Amino acid sequence: MREAVVIDMVRTPFGRAGQRGVFRDVTHVELVVPLLKSILERNKVGAEEVDELLMGSVGIAGMLTRSRHYVFEAGLPFSISATDMNKQCGSSLQACAQGAFAVMAGMSDVVLAGGIETMDRVQPIKPDDERNLSQVQSAEVMSREMLPGDWPGDKKPKWNKRWYQVTEPWIMDMGATAEKLIATRRRSVRRKRAFWRAKSSPSQSSTPIGQQPKSIRTRTPGKTQRSRG
């Protein structure tokens, strides 16, 4: 079986969501396409050498099912297969794993793999609607709020609890989980960062994975942002 190797990595800067977000008027296509072009140019890889593009996203429904779109917008050959995948918070990592599997199995020689999340652009919330950013995670929340106050007759829908509220009631979103850990276990941000640095250093220090992602210029309305890696 062949060995799969990670050659290089790039990313855009991070930003907050909502009215004050630096990417609020930037589409996911405008975020991804410069990265695809840059990674090929930096490594002197011809577009015709790429076998497939794999993109992971938590918000894969609706707005972000666009891997094929990225190929077209980046001017890559139509022969490149493009796949969207979802594994919640591990979506981009799964995309990289799938790419490695394809190379190891001999199905592909060159794979572009990554992920995209843009909280301003996940339906049903628009960039100018900040009533409740947690709605971004669930169209169900929006649906409940849009129900009329006076429902005719006795047919007002009853909402079932989500699966984790029944089987795993302790599950919370990542922000609430972090706050609870800090409150109950006194796990400060500084201690957590020190732990992960110590955990990752031995395995990553001598490999390309241990290197910082390279900076890629990303245009935003009226500005040019640069990642600090």
Protein backbone atom coordinates (compact mmCIF):
# COMPACT_ATOMS: atom_id res chain seq x y z
CA MET A 1 0.00 0.00 0.00
CA ARG A 2 1.26 3.47 -0.87
CA GLU A 3 2.14 6.17 1.64
CA ALA A 4 0.03 9.36 1.75
CA VAL A 5 1.87 12.61 2.50
CA VAL A 6 0.55 16.05 3.48
CA ILE A 7 2.46 18.54 1.34
CA ASP A 8 1.19 21.97 2.40
CA MET A 9 -1.64 23.83 4.12
CA VAL A 10 -3.27 27.25 3.91
CA ARG A 11 -6.21 28.98 5.57
CA THR A 12 -8.03 32.29 5.75
CA PRO A 13 -7.96 34.48 8.87
CA PHE A 14 -10.67 33.79 11.44
CA GLY A 15 -13.36 36.35 12.29
CA ARG A 16 -16.44 36.79 14.43
CA ALA A 17 -19.97 36.27 13.10
CA GLY A 18 -22.68 38.88 12.76
CA GLN A 19 -22.88 42.60 12.10
CA ARG A 20 -19.29 43.26 13.18
CA GLY A 21 -17.78 40.26 11.43
CA VAL A 22 -15.06 41.10 8.92
CA PHE A 23 -16.37 38.43 6.52
CA ARG A 24 -20.08 39.28 6.85
CA ASP A 25 -20.32 40.34 3.19
CA VAL A 26 -18.00 37.64 1.86
CA THR A 27 -19.39 34.39 0.48
CA HIS A 28 -17.93 30.97 1.19
CA VAL A 29 -16.91 30.73 -2.47
CA GLU A 30 -14.83 33.90 -2.12
CA LEU A 31 -13.14 32.40 0.93
CA VAL A 32 -12.30 29.01 -0.56
CA VAL A 33 -11.34 29.79 -4.16
CA PRO A 34 -8.22 31.91 -3.33
CA LEU A 35 -6.97 29.05 -1.16
CA LEU A 36 -7.35 26.49 -3.93
CA LYS A 37 -5.51 28.69 -6.40
CA SER A 38 -2.80 29.54 -3.89
CA ILE A 39 -2.03 25.99 -2.78
CA LEU A 40 -1.47 24.92 -6.38
CA GLU A 41 0.63 27.96 -7.26
CA ARG A 42 2.79 27.71 -4.13
CA ASN A 43 3.63 24.09 -4.82
CA LYS A 44 3.91 24.39 -8.61
CA VAL A 45 1.21 21.77 -9.13
CA GLY A 46 -0.76 21.92 -12.36
CA ALA A 47 -4.54 21.91 -12.04
CA GLU A 48 -4.67 18.94 -14.41
CA GLU A 49 -2.68 16.90 -11.86
CA VAL A 50 -5.42 17.14 -9.20
CA ASP A 51 -7.68 14.11 -8.98
CA GLU A 52 -10.29 15.29 -6.50
CA LEU A 53 -11.41 17.96 -4.05
CA LEU A 54 -12.86 16.96 -0.66
CA MET A 55 -14.47 19.65 1.52
CA GLY A 56 -15.98 19.11 4.96
CA SER A 57 -18.51 21.36 6.66
CA VAL A 58 -20.78 21.21 9.70
CA GLY A 59 -23.30 23.39 7.87
CA ILE A 60 -23.40 21.18 4.82
CA ALA A 61 -27.15 21.61 4.22
CA GLY A 62 -28.21 24.30 1.76
CA MET A 63 -25.68 27.08 1.38
CA LEU A 64 -22.45 25.15 1.80
CA THR A 65 -23.00 22.17 -0.50
CA ARG A 66 -20.74 23.68 -3.11
CA SER A 67 -17.51 21.72 -3.60
CA ARG A 68 -18.24 21.38 -7.30
CA HIS A 69 -18.86 25.12 -7.39
CA TYR A 70 -15.41 25.76 -5.91
CA VAL A 71 -13.82 23.74 -8.72
CA PHE A 72 -15.59 25.81 -11.38
CA GLU A 73 -14.87 29.17 -9.73
CA ALA A 74 -11.20 28.32 -9.24
CA GLY A 75 -10.85 27.55 -12.93
CA LEU A 76 -9.91 23.92 -12.28
CA PRO A 77 -10.63 21.23 -14.88
CA PHE A 78 -14.16 19.83 -14.90
CA SER A 79 -12.62 16.35 -14.72
CA ILE A 80 -11.80 16.87 -11.02
CA SER A 81 -14.35 15.13 -8.82
CA ALA A 82 -15.63 17.18 -5.88
CA THR A 83 -17.29 15.84 -2.75
CA ASP A 84 -18.98 17.48 0.25
CA MET A 85 -18.87 15.62 3.54
CA ASN A 86 -20.20 16.13 7.05
CA LYS A 87 -18.90 14.69 10.30
CA GLN A 88 -19.87 17.63 12.49
CA CYS A 89 -16.80 19.18 14.14
CA GLY A 90 -14.53 16.60 12.52
CA SER A 91 -15.68 17.33 8.96
CA SER A 92 -12.46 18.85 7.59
CA LEU A 93 -10.35 16.23 9.37
CA GLN A 94 -12.49 13.51 7.80
CA ALA A 95 -11.97 15.13 4.40
CA CYS A 96 -8.20 14.89 4.91
CA ALA A 97 -8.52 11.28 6.06
CA GLN A 98 -10.63 10.36 3.02
CA GLY A 99 -8.06 11.99 0.76
CA ALA A 100 -5.28 9.99 2.40
CA PHE A 101 -7.28 6.77 1.98
CA ALA A 102 -7.75 7.51 -1.74
CA VAL A 103 -4.01 8.06 -2.24
CA MET A 104 -3.06 4.97 -0.24
CA ALA A 105 -5.50 2.82 -2.18
CA GLY A 106 -4.22 4.11 -5.51
CA MET A 107 -7.50 5.77 -6.48
CA SER A 108 -5.94 9.25 -6.52
CA ASP A 109 -2.48 10.76 -6.72
CA VAL A 110 -3.16 14.40 -5.79
CA VAL A 111 -6.05 15.41 -3.51
CA LEU A 112 -7.12 18.82 -2.24
CA ALA A 113 -8.84 18.41 1.14
CA GLY A 114 -10.13 20.92 3.67
CA GLY A 115 -13.14 22.50 5.31
CA ILE A 116 -15.35 25.58 5.25
CA GLU A 117 -17.48 27.22 7.93
CA THR A 118 -18.99 30.67 7.61
CA MET A 119 -21.59 31.35 10.28
CA ASP A 120 -22.84 34.49 8.52
CA ARG A 121 -23.83 32.46 5.50
CA VAL A 122 -25.50 29.34 6.90
CA GLN A 123 -29.24 29.37 6.30
CA PRO A 124 -31.71 30.44 7.56
CA ILE A 125 -29.89 33.39 9.17
CA LYS A 126 -28.83 36.34 7.01
CA PRO A 127 -25.79 38.48 7.87
CA ASP A 128 -28.02 41.36 8.98
CA ASP A 129 -30.13 39.21 11.34
CA GLU A 130 -28.53 38.89 14.78
CA ARG A 131 -31.57 38.23 16.90
CA ASN A 132 -30.11 34.96 17.99
CA LEU A 133 -26.92 33.58 16.45
CA SER A 134 -27.62 30.18 17.98
CA GLN A 135 -30.35 29.89 15.33
CA VAL A 136 -27.56 29.32 12.85
CA GLN A 137 -27.22 25.80 14.24
CA SER A 138 -30.82 24.81 13.72
CA ALA A 139 -33.60 25.70 11.31
CA GLU A 140 -35.93 24.17 13.89
CA VAL A 141 -35.40 27.15 16.19
CA MET A 142 -36.36 29.54 13.42
CA SER A 143 -39.43 27.45 12.61
CA ARG A 144 -40.65 27.61 16.21
CA GLU A 145 -40.26 31.37 16.37
CA MET A 146 -42.18 31.82 13.14
CA LEU A 147 -45.23 29.92 14.36
CA PRO A 148 -48.27 32.17 14.91
CA GLY A 149 -49.14 32.90 18.52
CA ASP A 150 -52.78 31.92 18.10
CA TRP A 151 -52.84 28.56 16.36
CA PRO A 152 -56.25 27.68 14.87
CA GLY A 153 -57.97 24.76 16.54
CA ASP A 154 -56.09 22.03 18.39
CA LYS A 155 -53.58 21.19 15.65
CA LYS A 156 -50.64 23.25 16.86
CA PRO A 157 -47.57 21.03 16.31
CA LYS A 158 -45.82 19.45 19.26
CA TRP A 159 -42.05 19.37 19.01
CA ASN A 160 -40.27 16.17 19.94
CA LYS A 161 -37.12 16.43 22.00
CA ARG A 162 -33.92 16.06 20.05
CA TRP A 163 -32.25 12.66 20.32
CA TYR A 164 -29.49 13.84 22.67
CA GLN A 165 -32.01 15.46 25.02
CA VAL A 166 -33.50 11.99 25.51
CA THR A 167 -30.46 9.69 25.47
CA GLU A 168 -27.60 12.04 26.43
CA PRO A 169 -29.09 15.02 28.32
CA TRP A 170 -25.63 16.20 29.37
CA ILE A 171 -24.69 17.16 25.80
CA MET A 172 -24.37 20.92 25.28
CA ASP A 173 -22.90 23.16 22.62
CA MET A 174 -19.13 23.74 22.77
CA GLY A 175 -19.38 27.21 24.32
CA ALA A 176 -21.64 26.05 27.16
CA THR A 177 -19.42 22.99 27.69
CA ALA A 178 -16.33 25.19 28.04
CA GLU A 179 -18.05 27.46 30.56
CA LYS A 180 -19.24 24.49 32.62
CA LEU A 181 -15.76 22.92 32.66
CA ILE A 182 -14.26 26.19 33.85
CA ALA A 183 -16.91 26.53 36.57
CA THR A 184 -16.86 22.93 37.82
CA ARG A 185 -13.30 21.76 37.12
CA ARG A 186 -11.52 25.12 37.22
CA ARG A 187 -10.00 24.46 33.83
CA SER A 188 -8.66 27.84 32.76
CA VAL A 189 -7.99 28.68 29.12
CA ARG A 190 -4.28 28.99 29.91
CA ARG A 191 -4.15 25.49 31.43
CA LYS A 192 -6.03 24.00 28.48
CA ARG A 193 -3.70 25.58 25.95
CA ALA A 194 -0.65 24.38 27.87
CA PHE A 195 -2.10 20.85 27.97
CA TRP A 196 -2.70 20.69 24.21
CA ARG A 197 0.71 22.13 23.41
CA ALA A 198 2.36 19.47 25.57
CA LYS A 199 0.16 16.75 24.08
CA SER A 200 0.77 17.65 20.45
CA SER A 201 4.45 18.65 20.48
CA PRO A 202 6.08 15.18 20.60
CA SER A 203 4.07 13.83 17.68
CA GLN A 204 4.09 16.92 15.50
CA SER A 205 7.40 18.67 16.03
CA SER A 206 9.28 16.69 13.39
CA THR A 207 6.56 16.56 10.74
CA PRO A 208 4.97 19.05 8.32
CA ILE A 209 1.81 18.87 10.44
CA GLY A 210 3.66 20.62 13.24
CA GLN A 211 4.28 23.67 11.07
CA GLN A 212 2.03 26.71 11.21
CA PRO A 213 -0.38 27.21 8.29
CA LYS A 214 0.87 29.77 5.77
CA SER A 215 -0.68 33.23 5.44
CA ILE A 216 -2.92 33.85 2.45
CA ARG A 217 -4.19 37.31 1.57
CA THR A 218 -7.99 37.41 1.60
CA ARG A 219 -9.93 40.34 0.24
CA THR A 220 -12.75 41.78 2.34
CA PRO A 221 -14.90 44.83 1.57
CA GLY A 222 -12.49 47.75 1.52
CA LYS A 223 -9.73 45.86 3.33
CA THR A 224 -7.01 43.27 2.86
CA GLN A 225 -6.61 40.91 5.79
CA ARG A 226 -3.59 38.70 6.42
CA SER A 227 -3.55 35.63 8.59
CA ARG A 228 -1.04 35.66 11.40
CA GLY A 229 -0.64 31.88 11.16
